[in-house]
Amino acid sequence: MYSLIELYLKGRLTQRTFCEERDLIRGYLVIGWAAIAASEAAQRAAMIYTLLDTCIKHQVTPLQWLRDVLTRLPDHLIQQVSELLPHRWKPLQ
């Protein structure tokens, strides 16, 4: 199997693809290090990253969603917590 650098040098990867792959690998290394350092913290971080990625997928501004949810969460009924998930979330008027 070729390494990314070999594929890049052979012209099979563009500069853009190579940089995207490098950034993706760097992100996984950081998450991997966090998992080794504190697996519970890494699990929490993975959940937060997943929620933020879900916001982006559903065209919700992650910061706006996070601020609203953290403000509403203390008074929100546990039975209705699914309303606060990014794909169901509606901002307060």
N, C-alpha and C. Protein backbone atom coordinates (compact mmCIF):
# COMPACT_ATOMS: atom_id res chain seq x y z
N MET A 1 0.85 -1.18 0.00
CA MET A 1 0.00 0.00 0.00
C MET A 1 0.89 1.25 0.00
N TYR A 2 0.53 2.20 -0.82
CA TYR A 2 1.31 3.43 -0.93
C TYR A 2 1.00 4.37 0.24
N SER A 3 2.00 5.10 0.67
CA SER A 3 1.77 6.15 1.65
C SER A 3 1.20 7.36 0.92
N LEU A 4 0.65 8.28 1.66
CA LEU A 4 0.08 9.48 1.05
C LEU A 4 1.14 10.27 0.29
N ILE A 5 2.33 10.33 0.83
CA ILE A 5 3.40 11.08 0.17
C ILE A 5 3.76 10.43 -1.16
N GLU A 6 3.83 9.08 -1.19
CA GLU A 6 4.12 8.40 -2.44
C GLU A 6 3.05 8.66 -3.49
N LEU A 7 1.79 8.61 -3.08
CA LEU A 7 0.70 8.90 -4.01
C LEU A 7 0.76 10.34 -4.51
N TYR A 8 1.09 11.26 -3.62
CA TYR A 8 1.22 12.66 -4.02
C TYR A 8 2.35 12.83 -5.03
N LEU A 9 3.49 12.21 -4.74
CA LEU A 9 4.63 12.33 -5.64
C LEU A 9 4.37 11.68 -6.99
N LYS A 10 3.55 10.64 -7.03
CA LYS A 10 3.23 9.97 -8.29
C LYS A 10 2.10 10.70 -9.04
N GLY A 11 1.58 11.79 -8.44
CA GLY A 11 0.55 12.57 -9.11
C GLY A 11 -0.86 12.04 -8.93
N ARG A 12 -1.05 11.10 -8.04
CA ARG A 12 -2.37 10.52 -7.82
C ARG A 12 -3.19 11.30 -6.80
N LEU A 13 -2.54 12.17 -6.07
CA LEU A 13 -3.23 13.06 -5.13
C LEU A 13 -2.90 14.49 -5.53
N THR A 14 -3.92 15.32 -5.50
CA THR A 14 -3.66 16.73 -5.75
C THR A 14 -3.16 17.37 -4.46
N GLN A 15 -2.61 18.56 -4.56
CA GLN A 15 -2.16 19.28 -3.37
C GLN A 15 -3.32 19.44 -2.39
N ARG A 16 -4.49 19.77 -2.92
CA ARG A 16 -5.66 20.00 -2.06
C ARG A 16 -6.02 18.71 -1.32
N THR A 17 -6.09 17.60 -2.04
CA THR A 17 -6.44 16.33 -1.41
C THR A 17 -5.40 15.95 -0.36
N PHE A 18 -4.14 16.15 -0.67
CA PHE A 18 -3.07 15.82 0.26
C PHE A 18 -3.22 16.62 1.54
N CYS A 19 -3.48 17.93 1.42
CA CYS A 19 -3.64 18.78 2.60
C CYS A 19 -4.87 18.38 3.42
N GLU A 20 -5.96 18.05 2.73
CA GLU A 20 -7.17 17.61 3.44
C GLU A 20 -6.90 16.32 4.21
N GLU A 21 -6.20 15.39 3.57
CA GLU A 21 -5.86 14.13 4.24
C GLU A 21 -4.97 14.39 5.45
N ARG A 22 -3.98 15.26 5.28
CA ARG A 22 -3.07 15.59 6.37
C ARG A 22 -3.84 16.18 7.55
N ASP A 23 -4.76 17.10 7.26
CA ASP A 23 -5.55 17.73 8.33
C ASP A 23 -6.45 16.71 9.01
N LEU A 24 -7.03 15.81 8.23
CA LEU A 24 -7.89 14.77 8.80
C LEU A 24 -7.08 13.86 9.71
N ILE A 25 -5.92 13.44 9.25
CA ILE A 25 -5.06 12.57 10.07
C ILE A 25 -4.62 13.29 11.33
N ARG A 26 -4.26 14.57 11.22
CA ARG A 26 -3.86 15.34 12.39
C ARG A 26 -5.00 15.38 13.41
N GLY A 27 -6.23 15.58 12.93
CA GLY A 27 -7.38 15.59 13.83
C GLY A 27 -7.56 14.27 14.55
N TYR A 28 -7.40 13.16 13.83
CA TYR A 28 -7.53 11.86 14.46
C TYR A 28 -6.41 11.61 15.47
N LEU A 29 -5.23 12.11 15.19
CA LEU A 29 -4.12 11.95 16.14
C LEU A 29 -4.40 12.71 17.43
N VAL A 30 -4.95 13.91 17.31
CA VAL A 30 -5.29 14.68 18.50
C VAL A 30 -6.36 13.96 19.31
N ILE A 31 -7.40 13.47 18.63
CA ILE A 31 -8.46 12.74 19.32
C ILE A 31 -7.89 11.47 19.93
N GLY A 32 -7.01 10.78 19.20
CA GLY A 32 -6.38 9.56 19.72
C GLY A 32 -5.58 9.83 20.97
N TRP A 33 -4.83 10.93 20.98
CA TRP A 33 -4.06 11.30 22.16
C TRP A 33 -4.99 11.57 23.32
N ALA A 34 -6.10 12.24 23.07
CA ALA A 34 -7.06 12.53 24.14
C ALA A 34 -7.63 11.22 24.70
N ALA A 35 -7.84 10.25 23.85
CA ALA A 35 -8.38 8.97 24.30
C ALA A 35 -7.39 8.26 25.21
N ILE A 36 -6.12 8.35 24.88
CA ILE A 36 -5.11 7.72 25.72
C ILE A 36 -5.00 8.46 27.05
N ALA A 37 -5.04 9.78 27.00
CA ALA A 37 -4.87 10.60 28.21
C ALA A 37 -6.06 10.45 29.15
N ALA A 38 -7.25 10.45 28.62
CA ALA A 38 -8.45 10.36 29.46
C ALA A 38 -9.61 9.87 28.59
N SER A 39 -9.89 8.57 28.66
CA SER A 39 -10.90 8.00 27.77
C SER A 39 -12.28 8.59 27.99
N GLU A 40 -12.64 8.92 29.21
CA GLU A 40 -13.95 9.53 29.46
C GLU A 40 -14.03 10.91 28.81
N ALA A 41 -12.98 11.68 28.92
CA ALA A 41 -12.95 13.00 28.30
C ALA A 41 -13.01 12.87 26.78
N ALA A 42 -12.34 11.87 26.23
CA ALA A 42 -12.36 11.66 24.79
C ALA A 42 -13.77 11.28 24.32
N GLN A 43 -14.47 10.48 25.10
CA GLN A 43 -15.84 10.12 24.74
C GLN A 43 -16.74 11.35 24.76
N ARG A 44 -16.57 12.19 25.74
CA ARG A 44 -17.36 13.42 25.81
C ARG A 44 -17.03 14.33 24.63
N ALA A 45 -15.77 14.45 24.32
CA ALA A 45 -15.37 15.27 23.17
C ALA A 45 -15.96 14.73 21.88
N ALA A 46 -15.94 13.42 21.72
CA ALA A 46 -16.52 12.82 20.52
C ALA A 46 -18.01 13.11 20.42
N MET A 47 -18.72 13.08 21.54
CA MET A 47 -20.15 13.41 21.52
C MET A 47 -20.37 14.86 21.11
N ILE A 48 -19.55 15.75 21.65
CA ILE A 48 -19.69 17.17 21.31
C ILE A 48 -19.38 17.40 19.83
N TYR A 49 -18.29 16.78 19.32
CA TYR A 49 -17.96 16.92 17.90
C TYR A 49 -19.09 16.39 17.04
N THR A 50 -19.70 15.29 17.44
CA THR A 50 -20.81 14.72 16.67
C THR A 50 -21.99 15.67 16.64
N LEU A 51 -22.33 16.26 17.78
CA LEU A 51 -23.44 17.21 17.82
C LEU A 51 -23.15 18.44 16.96
N LEU A 52 -21.94 18.94 17.03
CA LEU A 52 -21.58 20.11 16.23
C LEU A 52 -21.58 19.79 14.74
N ASP A 53 -21.10 18.61 14.37
CA ASP A 53 -21.15 18.19 12.97
C ASP A 53 -22.58 18.01 12.50
N THR A 54 -23.45 17.52 13.38
CA THR A 54 -24.86 17.38 13.05
C THR A 54 -25.49 18.74 12.80
N CYS A 55 -25.09 19.74 13.59
CA CYS A 55 -25.57 21.11 13.36
C CYS A 55 -25.21 21.56 11.95
N ILE A 56 -23.97 21.37 11.58
CA ILE A 56 -23.52 21.79 10.26
C ILE A 56 -24.28 21.05 9.16
N LYS A 57 -24.48 19.76 9.36
CA LYS A 57 -25.20 18.95 8.37
C LYS A 57 -26.62 19.46 8.16
N HIS A 58 -27.25 19.95 9.23
CA HIS A 58 -28.63 20.43 9.15
C HIS A 58 -28.72 21.94 9.03
N GLN A 59 -27.61 22.56 8.65
CA GLN A 59 -27.54 24.00 8.40
C GLN A 59 -27.97 24.83 9.60
N VAL A 60 -27.53 24.40 10.75
CA VAL A 60 -27.75 25.13 12.00
C VAL A 60 -26.40 25.69 12.43
N THR A 61 -26.37 26.94 12.83
CA THR A 61 -25.13 27.54 13.29
C THR A 61 -24.75 26.91 14.64
N PRO A 62 -23.62 26.20 14.70
CA PRO A 62 -23.27 25.49 15.93
C PRO A 62 -23.21 26.37 17.18
N LEU A 63 -22.64 27.56 17.09
CA LEU A 63 -22.53 28.43 18.25
C LEU A 63 -23.91 28.90 18.72
N GLN A 64 -24.76 29.24 17.79
CA GLN A 64 -26.13 29.66 18.14
C GLN A 64 -26.88 28.51 18.81
N TRP A 65 -26.75 27.31 18.25
CA TRP A 65 -27.41 26.15 18.83
C TRP A 65 -26.89 25.86 20.23
N LEU A 66 -25.58 25.88 20.39
CA LEU A 66 -24.97 25.56 21.68
C LEU A 66 -25.37 26.57 22.75
N ARG A 67 -25.34 27.85 22.42
CA ARG A 67 -25.75 28.88 23.39
C ARG A 67 -27.20 28.67 23.82
N ASP A 68 -28.08 28.44 22.84
CA ASP A 68 -29.50 28.27 23.14
C ASP A 68 -29.74 27.02 23.99
N VAL A 69 -29.13 25.93 23.60
CA VAL A 69 -29.34 24.67 24.33
C VAL A 69 -28.81 24.77 25.76
N LEU A 70 -27.62 25.34 25.93
CA LEU A 70 -27.06 25.46 27.29
C LEU A 70 -27.90 26.40 28.16
N THR A 71 -28.55 27.37 27.54
CA THR A 71 -29.42 28.28 28.29
C THR A 71 -30.73 27.59 28.68
N ARG A 72 -31.29 26.80 27.77
CA ARG A 72 -32.58 26.16 28.01
C ARG A 72 -32.50 24.87 28.80
N LEU A 73 -31.39 24.19 28.75
CA LEU A 73 -31.26 22.86 29.34
C LEU A 73 -31.62 22.76 30.82
N PRO A 74 -31.19 23.68 31.67
CA PRO A 74 -31.50 23.53 33.10
C PRO A 74 -33.00 23.47 33.42
N ASP A 75 -33.82 24.15 32.63
CA ASP A 75 -35.27 24.18 32.89
C ASP A 75 -36.06 23.27 31.96
N HIS A 76 -35.38 22.55 31.11
CA HIS A 76 -36.07 21.72 30.11
C HIS A 76 -36.41 20.35 30.71
N LEU A 77 -37.60 19.85 30.39
CA LEU A 77 -38.01 18.53 30.88
C LEU A 77 -37.18 17.44 30.20
N ILE A 78 -36.77 16.46 30.98
CA ILE A 78 -35.95 15.37 30.46
C ILE A 78 -36.69 14.60 29.37
N GLN A 79 -38.02 14.50 29.49
CA GLN A 79 -38.82 13.78 28.49
C GLN A 79 -38.82 14.51 27.14
N GLN A 80 -38.47 15.78 27.14
CA GLN A 80 -38.50 16.56 25.90
C GLN A 80 -37.10 16.97 25.44
N VAL A 81 -36.09 16.35 25.99
CA VAL A 81 -34.72 16.73 25.66
C VAL A 81 -34.40 16.46 24.19
N SER A 82 -35.08 15.54 23.56
CA SER A 82 -34.82 15.27 22.14
C SER A 82 -35.17 16.46 21.26
N GLU A 83 -36.00 17.37 21.76
CA GLU A 83 -36.33 18.59 21.01
C GLU A 83 -35.10 19.48 20.84
N LEU A 84 -34.11 19.30 21.67
CA LEU A 84 -32.92 20.16 21.64
C LEU A 84 -31.82 19.61 20.73
N LEU A 85 -32.02 18.42 20.17
CA LEU A 85 -31.03 17.86 19.25
C LEU A 85 -30.99 18.72 17.98
N PRO A 86 -29.83 18.84 17.37
CA PRO A 86 -29.69 19.76 16.23
C PRO A 86 -30.71 19.58 15.11
N HIS A 87 -31.08 18.35 14.79
CA HIS A 87 -32.00 18.14 13.67
C HIS A 87 -33.46 18.45 14.03
N ARG A 88 -33.77 18.65 15.32
CA ARG A 88 -35.13 18.99 15.75
C ARG A 88 -35.20 20.39 16.37
N TRP A 89 -34.09 21.00 16.60
CA TRP A 89 -34.00 22.25 17.33
C TRP A 89 -34.67 23.40 16.60
N LYS A 90 -35.42 24.19 17.35
CA LYS A 90 -36.02 25.43 16.87
C LYS A 90 -35.61 26.52 17.84
N PRO A 91 -35.00 27.62 17.35
CA PRO A 91 -34.60 28.68 18.28
C PRO A 91 -35.81 29.34 18.94
N LEU A 92 -35.63 29.82 20.15
CA LEU A 92 -36.70 30.55 20.81
C LEU A 92 -36.93 31.87 20.08
N GLN A 93 -38.16 32.25 20.00
CA GLN A 93 -38.50 33.51 19.30
C GLN A 93 -38.35 34.70 20.19
